Amino acid sequence: MHGMSVAWRAFPAALLLAGCLRPTPTRDAWTNDASIEFPRFFEQPAVEASAERGAVELSGTVLHALDVAAADFLGPQDANTPCVDRRESHRYRVMQRQGILFVRIDEAPRACGLTVPALHSGAQYAVGSDGRILRRLRDGEPDESMVPTDAGPGLPVPTSEVGRSFEPPDGSVPLPFIQAPGLDAGTGERHGP
């Protein structure tokens, strides 16, 4: 009987803990539409928002696209977020074409006391007017929208040249890496021709 009362006392606690469990949050659904081509963000100078140049007006749609792209690229932010992963440590460029907002995000190394950005530290986003990410391309990822160009037929190689070694026909000039005997880096012994 005593075991039964312990089980009944544990039941409310288990029920309470089960209520605290939540599914892992998922990002909004997005498609990676490779048919969307990104504009050349740096083809023309951008208008920068600064105290000297006056006001810059952003629509709510543009602000929402920036927020969606930054949240996807940089993830959640809190007091423990490292400097290089903070939203304010990045530069943003926005262009709009055919109802799609294109956002380019790049690391601003000086914001964190650095001189150069990290390799592959940026991304490009195509965001629909409804706030859905239509396409994302992180620096260093292959751009699937780029159609490979045909190199043409190339130059034919005579069958007499296929599989030929580097040695000159008369053997008069040795290969540059076999010209003089030298020390083996691992054993200290002399090796050479």
N, C-alpha and C. Protein backbone atom coordinates (compact mmCIF):
# COMPACT_ATOMS: atom_id res chain seq x y z
N MET A 1 0.83 -1.18 0.00
CA MET A 1 0.00 0.00 0.00
C MET A 1 0.87 1.24 0.00
N HIS A 2 1.98 1.16 0.74
CA HIS A 2 2.88 2.30 0.84
C HIS A 2 3.47 2.65 -0.53
N GLY A 3 3.80 1.63 -1.33
CA GLY A 3 4.34 1.84 -2.68
C GLY A 3 3.34 2.53 -3.57
N MET A 4 2.08 2.27 -3.38
CA MET A 4 1.03 2.89 -4.19
C MET A 4 0.95 4.38 -3.90
N SER A 5 1.10 4.80 -2.64
CA SER A 5 0.98 6.23 -2.31
C SER A 5 2.18 7.00 -2.85
N VAL A 6 3.37 6.37 -2.90
CA VAL A 6 4.55 7.03 -3.48
C VAL A 6 4.33 7.25 -4.97
N ALA A 7 3.74 6.29 -5.65
CA ALA A 7 3.47 6.41 -7.08
C ALA A 7 2.48 7.53 -7.33
N TRP A 8 1.44 7.63 -6.49
CA TRP A 8 0.45 8.70 -6.67
C TRP A 8 1.05 10.06 -6.38
N ARG A 9 2.01 10.14 -5.47
CA ARG A 9 2.67 11.42 -5.19
C ARG A 9 3.61 11.81 -6.33
N ALA A 10 4.23 10.84 -6.97
CA ALA A 10 5.15 11.12 -8.08
C ALA A 10 4.39 11.48 -9.36
N PHE A 11 3.15 11.03 -9.47
CA PHE A 11 2.37 11.29 -10.68
C PHE A 11 2.19 12.79 -10.96
N PRO A 12 1.77 13.62 -9.99
CA PRO A 12 1.64 15.05 -10.29
C PRO A 12 2.97 15.70 -10.69
N ALA A 13 4.05 15.27 -10.06
CA ALA A 13 5.37 15.83 -10.42
C ALA A 13 5.73 15.46 -11.86
N ALA A 14 5.47 14.21 -12.24
CA ALA A 14 5.75 13.77 -13.61
C ALA A 14 4.87 14.53 -14.60
N LEU A 15 3.63 14.75 -14.24
CA LEU A 15 2.71 15.49 -15.10
C LEU A 15 3.18 16.94 -15.26
N LEU A 16 3.63 17.53 -14.17
CA LEU A 16 4.13 18.90 -14.21
C LEU A 16 5.37 19.00 -15.10
N LEU A 17 6.30 18.07 -14.96
CA LEU A 17 7.50 18.08 -15.79
C LEU A 17 7.17 17.84 -17.26
N ALA A 18 6.22 16.97 -17.54
CA ALA A 18 5.84 16.70 -18.93
C ALA A 18 5.25 17.96 -19.57
N GLY A 19 4.58 18.78 -18.77
CA GLY A 19 4.04 20.03 -19.30
C GLY A 19 5.12 21.03 -19.65
N CYS A 20 6.31 20.90 -19.07
CA CYS A 20 7.41 21.81 -19.36
C CYS A 20 8.14 21.44 -20.65
N LEU A 21 7.97 20.21 -21.10
CA LEU A 21 8.65 19.79 -22.31
C LEU A 21 8.01 20.46 -23.52
N ARG A 22 8.85 21.00 -24.36
CA ARG A 22 8.36 21.65 -25.58
C ARG A 22 9.12 21.09 -26.76
N PRO A 23 8.47 21.05 -27.89
CA PRO A 23 9.21 20.59 -29.07
C PRO A 23 10.28 21.60 -29.44
N THR A 24 11.34 21.12 -30.08
CA THR A 24 12.40 21.99 -30.53
C THR A 24 11.85 22.98 -31.55
N PRO A 25 12.10 24.28 -31.35
CA PRO A 25 11.56 25.24 -32.32
C PRO A 25 12.18 25.02 -33.68
N THR A 26 11.36 25.17 -34.71
CA THR A 26 11.85 25.02 -36.07
C THR A 26 11.76 26.35 -36.77
N ARG A 27 12.65 26.58 -37.70
CA ARG A 27 12.62 27.80 -38.49
C ARG A 27 11.49 27.70 -39.49
N ASP A 28 11.00 28.84 -39.91
CA ASP A 28 9.95 28.85 -40.91
C ASP A 28 10.43 28.09 -42.14
N ALA A 29 9.49 27.45 -42.79
CA ALA A 29 9.83 26.70 -44.00
C ALA A 29 10.39 27.65 -45.06
N TRP A 30 11.39 27.20 -45.76
CA TRP A 30 11.95 28.01 -46.84
C TRP A 30 12.36 27.08 -47.96
N THR A 31 12.41 27.63 -49.12
CA THR A 31 12.81 26.86 -50.29
C THR A 31 14.14 27.40 -50.78
N ASN A 32 14.93 26.56 -51.36
CA ASN A 32 16.19 27.00 -51.93
C ASN A 32 16.01 27.02 -53.44
N ASP A 33 15.38 28.07 -53.92
CA ASP A 33 15.05 28.20 -55.33
C ASP A 33 16.27 28.68 -56.11
N ALA A 34 16.98 27.73 -56.72
CA ALA A 34 18.21 28.06 -57.45
C ALA A 34 17.96 28.89 -58.70
N SER A 35 16.70 29.03 -59.10
CA SER A 35 16.42 29.86 -60.27
C SER A 35 16.52 31.36 -59.94
N ILE A 36 16.51 31.69 -58.65
CA ILE A 36 16.66 33.09 -58.24
C ILE A 36 18.13 33.45 -58.28
N GLU A 37 18.47 34.44 -59.09
CA GLU A 37 19.85 34.89 -59.20
C GLU A 37 20.06 36.10 -58.31
N PHE A 38 21.14 36.08 -57.54
CA PHE A 38 21.44 37.20 -56.66
C PHE A 38 22.02 38.36 -57.48
N PRO A 39 21.66 39.58 -57.10
CA PRO A 39 22.23 40.73 -57.79
C PRO A 39 23.69 40.92 -57.38
N ARG A 40 24.38 41.75 -58.09
CA ARG A 40 25.77 42.08 -57.73
C ARG A 40 25.70 43.22 -56.73
N PHE A 41 25.85 42.88 -55.48
CA PHE A 41 25.65 43.83 -54.39
C PHE A 41 26.64 44.98 -54.40
N PHE A 42 27.82 44.77 -54.92
CA PHE A 42 28.86 45.79 -54.83
C PHE A 42 29.14 46.48 -56.16
N GLU A 43 28.23 46.31 -57.12
CA GLU A 43 28.39 46.92 -58.43
C GLU A 43 28.27 48.44 -58.36
N GLN A 44 27.43 48.92 -57.46
CA GLN A 44 27.24 50.35 -57.27
C GLN A 44 27.43 50.68 -55.80
N PRO A 45 27.86 51.91 -55.50
CA PRO A 45 28.01 52.27 -54.08
C PRO A 45 26.65 52.30 -53.38
N ALA A 46 26.64 51.95 -52.12
CA ALA A 46 25.40 51.94 -51.34
C ALA A 46 25.25 53.26 -50.60
N VAL A 47 24.03 53.59 -50.26
CA VAL A 47 23.74 54.77 -49.43
C VAL A 47 23.83 54.29 -47.99
N GLU A 48 24.72 54.89 -47.22
CA GLU A 48 24.92 54.47 -45.85
C GLU A 48 24.15 55.37 -44.90
N ALA A 49 23.50 54.76 -43.92
CA ALA A 49 22.81 55.53 -42.89
C ALA A 49 23.85 56.03 -41.90
N SER A 50 24.03 57.34 -41.83
CA SER A 50 24.97 57.92 -40.89
C SER A 50 24.48 59.31 -40.50
N ALA A 51 25.02 59.84 -39.44
CA ALA A 51 24.58 61.15 -38.92
C ALA A 51 24.85 62.26 -39.93
N GLU A 52 25.91 62.15 -40.72
CA GLU A 52 26.29 63.22 -41.64
C GLU A 52 25.39 63.29 -42.86
N ARG A 53 24.82 62.20 -43.28
CA ARG A 53 24.09 62.17 -44.55
C ARG A 53 22.59 62.31 -44.41
N GLY A 54 22.08 62.39 -43.22
CA GLY A 54 20.65 62.56 -43.06
C GLY A 54 19.93 61.24 -42.86
N ALA A 55 18.62 61.29 -43.05
CA ALA A 55 17.77 60.14 -42.76
C ALA A 55 17.73 59.14 -43.90
N VAL A 56 17.55 57.88 -43.55
CA VAL A 56 17.31 56.81 -44.51
C VAL A 56 16.00 56.16 -44.07
N GLU A 57 15.09 56.01 -44.98
CA GLU A 57 13.78 55.45 -44.64
C GLU A 57 13.71 53.99 -45.09
N LEU A 58 13.28 53.12 -44.18
CA LEU A 58 13.09 51.71 -44.49
C LEU A 58 11.63 51.36 -44.32
N SER A 59 11.09 50.58 -45.24
CA SER A 59 9.72 50.10 -45.08
C SER A 59 9.73 48.95 -44.07
N GLY A 60 8.58 48.64 -43.55
CA GLY A 60 8.46 47.51 -42.63
C GLY A 60 8.84 46.20 -43.29
N THR A 61 8.56 46.08 -44.59
CA THR A 61 8.91 44.86 -45.33
C THR A 61 10.42 44.69 -45.41
N VAL A 62 11.13 45.79 -45.65
CA VAL A 62 12.59 45.73 -45.71
C VAL A 62 13.16 45.39 -44.34
N LEU A 63 12.64 46.03 -43.31
CA LEU A 63 13.11 45.75 -41.95
C LEU A 63 12.85 44.29 -41.57
N HIS A 64 11.69 43.78 -41.96
CA HIS A 64 11.36 42.39 -41.67
C HIS A 64 12.31 41.44 -42.42
N ALA A 65 12.61 41.73 -43.68
CA ALA A 65 13.53 40.89 -44.46
C ALA A 65 14.92 40.89 -43.82
N LEU A 66 15.37 42.06 -43.37
CA LEU A 66 16.67 42.14 -42.67
C LEU A 66 16.66 41.28 -41.40
N ASP A 67 15.58 41.37 -40.64
CA ASP A 67 15.45 40.62 -39.40
C ASP A 67 15.44 39.12 -39.67
N VAL A 68 14.69 38.69 -40.68
CA VAL A 68 14.60 37.26 -41.02
C VAL A 68 15.98 36.73 -41.44
N ALA A 69 16.66 37.47 -42.31
CA ALA A 69 17.98 37.04 -42.79
C ALA A 69 18.99 37.00 -41.64
N ALA A 70 19.02 38.05 -40.82
CA ALA A 70 19.97 38.10 -39.71
C ALA A 70 19.70 37.00 -38.70
N ALA A 71 18.42 36.73 -38.41
CA ALA A 71 18.09 35.67 -37.46
C ALA A 71 18.51 34.30 -37.99
N ASP A 72 18.33 34.08 -39.29
CA ASP A 72 18.72 32.80 -39.88
C ASP A 72 20.24 32.65 -39.89
N PHE A 73 20.93 33.71 -40.27
CA PHE A 73 22.39 33.63 -40.42
C PHE A 73 23.11 33.61 -39.06
N LEU A 74 22.66 34.44 -38.13
CA LEU A 74 23.39 34.60 -36.87
C LEU A 74 22.75 33.88 -35.69
N GLY A 75 21.53 33.41 -35.86
CA GLY A 75 20.88 32.67 -34.79
C GLY A 75 20.41 33.57 -33.65
N PRO A 76 19.92 32.95 -32.56
CA PRO A 76 19.43 33.72 -31.43
C PRO A 76 20.56 34.53 -30.78
N GLN A 77 20.21 35.68 -30.25
CA GLN A 77 21.18 36.57 -29.62
C GLN A 77 20.88 36.69 -28.13
N ASP A 78 21.92 36.73 -27.31
CA ASP A 78 21.76 37.03 -25.90
C ASP A 78 23.05 37.68 -25.40
N ALA A 79 23.15 37.92 -24.12
CA ALA A 79 24.30 38.61 -23.56
C ALA A 79 25.60 37.82 -23.73
N ASN A 80 25.51 36.51 -23.92
CA ASN A 80 26.70 35.67 -24.05
C ASN A 80 27.11 35.44 -25.50
N THR A 81 26.41 36.03 -26.45
CA THR A 81 26.76 35.85 -27.86
C THR A 81 28.11 36.50 -28.13
N PRO A 82 29.08 35.77 -28.71
CA PRO A 82 30.39 36.36 -29.00
C PRO A 82 30.27 37.55 -29.96
N CYS A 83 31.20 38.46 -29.86
CA CYS A 83 31.19 39.68 -30.66
C CYS A 83 31.03 39.40 -32.15
N VAL A 84 31.79 38.45 -32.69
CA VAL A 84 31.76 38.19 -34.13
C VAL A 84 30.44 37.59 -34.61
N ASP A 85 29.60 37.12 -33.68
CA ASP A 85 28.31 36.53 -34.04
C ASP A 85 27.14 37.46 -33.74
N ARG A 86 27.42 38.68 -33.31
CA ARG A 86 26.36 39.62 -32.96
C ARG A 86 25.88 40.37 -34.21
N ARG A 87 24.63 40.70 -34.24
CA ARG A 87 24.05 41.41 -35.39
C ARG A 87 24.72 42.75 -35.62
N GLU A 88 25.04 43.45 -34.55
CA GLU A 88 25.65 44.77 -34.70
C GLU A 88 27.11 44.71 -35.17
N SER A 89 27.67 43.52 -35.25
CA SER A 89 29.05 43.34 -35.74
C SER A 89 29.07 42.96 -37.21
N HIS A 90 28.00 43.25 -37.92
CA HIS A 90 27.90 42.92 -39.33
C HIS A 90 27.42 44.11 -40.14
N ARG A 91 27.66 44.06 -41.44
CA ARG A 91 27.18 45.09 -42.38
C ARG A 91 26.12 44.44 -43.25
N TYR A 92 25.13 45.22 -43.63
CA TYR A 92 24.00 44.70 -44.39
C TYR A 92 23.78 45.56 -45.62
N ARG A 93 23.53 44.92 -46.76
CA ARG A 93 23.14 45.61 -47.99
C ARG A 93 21.82 45.01 -48.44
N VAL A 94 20.91 45.86 -48.86
CA VAL A 94 19.58 45.40 -49.27
C VAL A 94 19.26 45.97 -50.64
N MET A 95 18.75 45.12 -51.50
CA MET A 95 18.27 45.52 -52.83
C MET A 95 16.92 44.86 -53.04
N GLN A 96 16.07 45.52 -53.81
CA GLN A 96 14.77 44.93 -54.12
C GLN A 96 14.61 44.86 -55.62
N ARG A 97 14.24 43.67 -56.09
CA ARG A 97 14.00 43.45 -57.52
C ARG A 97 12.83 42.50 -57.68
N GLN A 98 11.89 42.88 -58.50
CA GLN A 98 10.74 42.04 -58.85
C GLN A 98 10.04 41.47 -57.62
N GLY A 99 9.85 42.30 -56.60
CA GLY A 99 9.12 41.88 -55.40
C GLY A 99 9.93 41.03 -54.44
N ILE A 100 11.20 40.81 -54.72
CA ILE A 100 12.06 40.01 -53.85
C ILE A 100 13.08 40.95 -53.21
N LEU A 101 13.27 40.81 -51.91
CA LEU A 101 14.28 41.59 -51.20
C LEU A 101 15.54 40.74 -51.09
N PHE A 102 16.65 41.29 -51.56
CA PHE A 102 17.93 40.60 -51.51
C PHE A 102 18.76 41.24 -50.41
N VAL A 103 19.26 40.41 -49.52
CA VAL A 103 20.03 40.89 -48.36
C VAL A 103 21.41 40.26 -48.41
N ARG A 104 22.42 41.09 -48.30
CA ARG A 104 23.81 40.63 -48.22
C ARG A 104 24.31 40.95 -46.82
N ILE A 105 24.86 39.96 -46.12
CA ILE A 105 25.37 40.14 -44.76
C ILE A 105 26.86 39.84 -44.78
N ASP A 106 27.65 40.77 -44.25
CA ASP A 106 29.10 40.58 -44.15
C ASP A 106 29.57 40.96 -42.76
N GLU A 107 30.57 40.25 -42.29
CA GLU A 107 31.17 40.55 -41.01
C GLU A 107 31.86 41.92 -41.08
N ALA A 108 31.74 42.71 -40.02
CA ALA A 108 32.45 43.98 -39.90
C ALA A 108 33.53 43.78 -38.84
N PRO A 109 34.73 43.37 -39.26
CA PRO A 109 35.75 42.96 -38.29
C PRO A 109 36.15 44.06 -37.30
N ARG A 110 36.13 45.30 -37.73
CA ARG A 110 36.53 46.39 -36.82
C ARG A 110 35.59 46.52 -35.62
N ALA A 111 34.36 46.09 -35.77
CA ALA A 111 33.41 46.15 -34.66
C ALA A 111 33.87 45.30 -33.48
N CYS A 112 34.71 44.32 -33.76
CA CYS A 112 35.20 43.42 -32.71
C CYS A 112 36.71 43.58 -32.48
N GLY A 113 37.28 44.66 -33.00
CA GLY A 113 38.70 44.89 -32.82
C GLY A 113 39.58 44.06 -33.71
N LEU A 114 39.04 43.53 -34.79
CA LEU A 114 39.81 42.72 -35.73
C LEU A 114 40.14 43.55 -36.96
N THR A 115 41.07 43.07 -37.78
CA THR A 115 41.44 43.82 -38.98
C THR A 115 40.90 43.20 -40.26
N VAL A 116 40.70 41.89 -40.27
CA VAL A 116 40.18 41.23 -41.47
C VAL A 116 39.03 40.30 -41.07
N PRO A 117 38.07 40.13 -41.97
CA PRO A 117 36.97 39.21 -41.64
C PRO A 117 37.43 37.76 -41.75
N ALA A 118 36.68 36.89 -41.11
CA ALA A 118 36.96 35.46 -41.18
C ALA A 118 36.61 34.96 -42.58
N LEU A 119 37.23 33.87 -42.97
CA LEU A 119 36.94 33.26 -44.27
C LEU A 119 35.50 32.76 -44.28
N HIS A 120 34.79 33.01 -45.35
CA HIS A 120 33.40 32.58 -45.52
C HIS A 120 32.51 33.10 -44.40
N SER A 121 32.61 34.38 -44.09
CA SER A 121 31.86 34.93 -42.97
C SER A 121 30.64 35.73 -43.39
N GLY A 122 30.16 35.54 -44.61
CA GLY A 122 28.99 36.28 -45.09
C GLY A 122 27.97 35.37 -45.73
N ALA A 123 26.86 35.99 -46.15
CA ALA A 123 25.79 35.23 -46.80
C ALA A 123 24.91 36.17 -47.61
N GLN A 124 24.16 35.59 -48.52
CA GLN A 124 23.19 36.32 -49.32
C GLN A 124 21.84 35.64 -49.15
N TYR A 125 20.81 36.46 -49.07
CA TYR A 125 19.45 35.94 -48.89
C TYR A 125 18.51 36.56 -49.92
N ALA A 126 17.57 35.77 -50.40
CA ALA A 126 16.44 36.26 -51.18
C ALA A 126 15.22 36.02 -50.29
N VAL A 127 14.55 37.11 -49.93
CA VAL A 127 13.41 37.02 -49.01
C VAL A 127 12.17 37.56 -49.71
N GLY A 128 11.09 36.79 -49.67
CA GLY A 128 9.84 37.21 -50.28
C GLY A 128 9.17 38.31 -49.46
N SER A 129 8.22 39.00 -50.03
CA SER A 129 7.54 40.08 -49.33
C SER A 129 6.75 39.56 -48.12
N ASP A 130 6.48 38.24 -48.09
CA ASP A 130 5.80 37.65 -46.94
C ASP A 130 6.78 37.26 -45.82
N GLY A 131 8.07 37.51 -46.03
CA GLY A 131 9.07 37.21 -45.00
C GLY A 131 9.66 35.82 -45.08
N ARG A 132 9.29 35.04 -46.09
CA ARG A 132 9.86 33.69 -46.25
C ARG A 132 11.19 33.77 -46.97
N ILE A 133 12.14 32.98 -46.53
CA ILE A 133 13.43 32.89 -47.22
C ILE A 133 13.22 32.03 -48.46
N LEU A 134 13.48 32.63 -49.62
CA LEU A 134 13.31 31.92 -50.88
C LEU A 134 14.61 31.24 -51.31
N ARG A 135 15.72 31.86 -50.92
CA ARG A 135 17.03 31.30 -51.27
C ARG A 135 18.07 31.84 -50.32
N ARG A 136 19.02 30.98 -49.96
CA ARG A 136 20.13 31.37 -49.09
C ARG A 136 21.41 30.83 -49.70
N LEU A 137 22.43 31.66 -49.72
CA LEU A 137 23.74 31.23 -50.21
C LEU A 137 24.80 31.78 -49.28
N ARG A 138 25.40 30.90 -48.50
CA ARG A 138 26.46 31.30 -47.59
C ARG A 138 27.77 31.33 -48.36
N ASP A 139 28.65 32.26 -47.98
CA ASP A 139 29.96 32.33 -48.63
C ASP A 139 30.65 30.98 -48.55
N GLY A 140 31.23 30.56 -49.64
CA GLY A 140 31.93 29.28 -49.69
C GLY A 140 31.07 28.14 -50.20
N GLU A 141 29.75 28.31 -50.21
CA GLU A 141 28.88 27.27 -50.75
C GLU A 141 28.80 27.41 -52.27
N PRO A 142 28.64 26.32 -52.99
CA PRO A 142 28.52 26.42 -54.45
C PRO A 142 27.21 27.09 -54.84
N ASP A 143 27.27 27.93 -55.84
CA ASP A 143 26.08 28.63 -56.34
C ASP A 143 25.45 27.78 -57.42
N GLU A 144 24.35 27.12 -57.09
CA GLU A 144 23.70 26.20 -58.04
C GLU A 144 23.04 26.91 -59.21
N SER A 145 22.88 28.24 -59.10
CA SER A 145 22.25 28.95 -60.21
C SER A 145 23.24 29.23 -61.33
N MET A 146 24.51 29.11 -61.03
CA MET A 146 25.54 29.36 -62.04
C MET A 146 25.62 28.14 -62.94
N VAL A 147 25.27 28.32 -64.18
CA VAL A 147 25.32 27.23 -65.14
C VAL A 147 26.76 27.11 -65.63
N PRO A 148 27.36 25.94 -65.55
CA PRO A 148 28.73 25.82 -66.02
C PRO A 148 28.83 26.14 -67.50
N THR A 149 29.86 26.88 -67.85
CA THR A 149 30.05 27.21 -69.26
C THR A 149 30.74 26.05 -69.95
N ASP A 150 30.42 25.86 -71.20
CA ASP A 150 31.02 24.78 -71.98
C ASP A 150 32.43 25.20 -72.37
N ALA A 151 33.38 24.39 -72.04
CA ALA A 151 34.77 24.70 -72.36
C ALA A 151 35.08 24.42 -73.83
N GLY A 152 34.15 23.87 -74.54
CA GLY A 152 34.39 23.56 -75.94
C GLY A 152 35.08 22.22 -76.09
N PRO A 153 35.47 21.90 -77.30
CA PRO A 153 36.07 20.59 -77.54
C PRO A 153 37.48 20.47 -76.96
N GLY A 154 38.15 21.59 -76.67
CA GLY A 154 39.50 21.51 -76.14
C GLY A 154 40.52 21.20 -77.22
N LEU A 155 41.74 21.00 -76.82
CA LEU A 155 42.80 20.68 -77.77
C LEU A 155 43.04 19.18 -77.77
N PRO A 156 43.03 18.58 -78.94
CA PRO A 156 43.29 17.13 -78.97
C PRO A 156 44.75 16.84 -78.63
N VAL A 157 44.98 15.77 -77.91
CA VAL A 157 46.33 15.36 -77.54
C VAL A 157 46.70 14.19 -78.43
N PRO A 158 47.84 14.32 -79.13
CA PRO A 158 48.25 13.19 -79.98
C PRO A 158 48.46 11.94 -79.14
N THR A 159 48.09 10.80 -79.68
CA THR A 159 48.22 9.55 -78.93
C THR A 159 49.66 9.27 -78.54
N SER A 160 50.62 9.83 -79.28
CA SER A 160 52.03 9.62 -78.93
C SER A 160 52.39 10.36 -77.65
N GLU A 161 51.60 11.38 -77.24
CA GLU A 161 51.89 12.16 -76.04
C GLU A 161 51.17 11.62 -74.81
N VAL A 162 50.17 10.80 -74.98
CA VAL A 162 49.42 10.29 -73.85
C VAL A 162 50.30 9.37 -73.03
N GLY A 163 50.39 9.65 -71.73
CA GLY A 163 51.18 8.82 -70.83
C GLY A 163 52.67 9.07 -70.89
N ARG A 164 53.11 10.09 -71.59
CA ARG A 164 54.53 10.39 -71.72
C ARG A 164 55.08 10.91 -70.40
N SER A 165 56.31 10.56 -70.07
CA SER A 165 56.93 11.01 -68.81
C SER A 165 57.49 12.42 -69.00
N PHE A 166 58.02 12.97 -67.91
CA PHE A 166 58.58 14.32 -67.93
C PHE A 166 60.01 14.35 -68.46
N GLU A 167 60.62 13.22 -68.64
CA GLU A 167 62.01 13.21 -69.06
C GLU A 167 62.13 13.71 -70.50
N PRO A 168 63.15 14.54 -70.76
CA PRO A 168 63.37 14.97 -72.14
C PRO A 168 63.74 13.75 -72.99
N PRO A 169 63.48 13.81 -74.30
CA PRO A 169 63.73 12.66 -75.16
C PRO A 169 65.17 12.16 -75.12
N ASP A 170 66.14 13.08 -74.99
CA ASP A 170 67.54 12.63 -75.01
C ASP A 170 68.10 12.38 -73.62
N GLY A 171 67.33 12.65 -72.55
CA GLY A 171 67.79 12.39 -71.19
C GLY A 171 68.83 13.37 -70.70
N SER A 172 69.02 14.52 -71.38
CA SER A 172 70.09 15.45 -71.02
C SER A 172 69.78 16.31 -69.82
N VAL A 173 68.52 16.57 -69.51
CA VAL A 173 68.18 17.45 -68.40
C VAL A 173 67.40 16.66 -67.36
N PRO A 174 67.97 16.50 -66.16
CA PRO A 174 67.24 15.78 -65.12
C PRO A 174 66.10 16.65 -64.58
N LEU A 175 65.16 16.03 -63.96
CA LEU A 175 64.06 16.76 -63.34
C LEU A 175 64.61 17.65 -62.22
N PRO A 176 64.03 18.85 -62.00
CA PRO A 176 64.58 19.79 -61.03
C PRO A 176 64.63 19.26 -59.60
N PHE A 177 63.74 18.39 -59.22
CA PHE A 177 63.75 17.88 -57.85
C PHE A 177 64.70 16.70 -57.67
N ILE A 178 65.42 16.28 -58.73
CA ILE A 178 66.38 15.20 -58.61
C ILE A 178 67.77 15.69 -59.03
N GLN A 179 68.02 16.98 -59.06
CA GLN A 179 69.29 17.50 -59.57
C GLN A 179 70.47 17.22 -58.67
N ALA A 180 70.32 17.35 -57.37
CA ALA A 180 71.47 17.17 -56.49
C ALA A 180 71.09 16.28 -55.33
N PRO A 181 72.08 15.51 -54.84
CA PRO A 181 71.77 14.70 -53.67
C PRO A 181 71.52 15.61 -52.47
N GLY A 182 70.71 15.19 -51.55
CA GLY A 182 70.43 16.01 -50.37
C GLY A 182 70.10 15.12 -49.19
N LEU A 183 69.93 15.78 -48.07
CA LEU A 183 69.61 15.07 -46.84
C LEU A 183 68.13 14.73 -46.82
N ASP A 184 67.83 13.55 -46.36
CA ASP A 184 66.45 13.17 -46.14
C ASP A 184 65.97 13.89 -44.88
N ALA A 185 64.85 14.54 -44.94
CA ALA A 185 64.36 15.34 -43.82
C ALA A 185 64.06 14.49 -42.59
N GLY A 186 63.71 13.25 -42.77
CA GLY A 186 63.34 12.43 -41.63
C GLY A 186 64.48 11.67 -41.01
N THR A 187 65.49 11.27 -41.82
CA THR A 187 66.54 10.41 -41.29
C THR A 187 67.91 11.07 -41.22
N GLY A 188 68.11 12.13 -41.98
CA GLY A 188 69.42 12.78 -42.02
C GLY A 188 70.39 12.08 -42.95
N GLU A 189 69.97 11.02 -43.65
CA GLU A 189 70.84 10.31 -44.59
C GLU A 189 70.82 10.98 -45.94
N ARG A 190 71.91 10.85 -46.67
CA ARG A 190 71.98 11.42 -48.02
C ARG A 190 71.32 10.50 -49.02
N HIS A 191 70.50 11.13 -49.89
CA HIS A 191 69.84 10.39 -50.97
C HIS A 191 70.01 11.20 -52.23
N GLY A 192 69.97 10.58 -53.34
CA GLY A 192 70.05 11.31 -54.60
C GLY A 192 70.44 10.42 -55.75
N PRO A 193 70.64 11.05 -56.91
CA PRO A 193 70.96 10.25 -58.09
C PRO A 193 72.35 9.67 -58.03
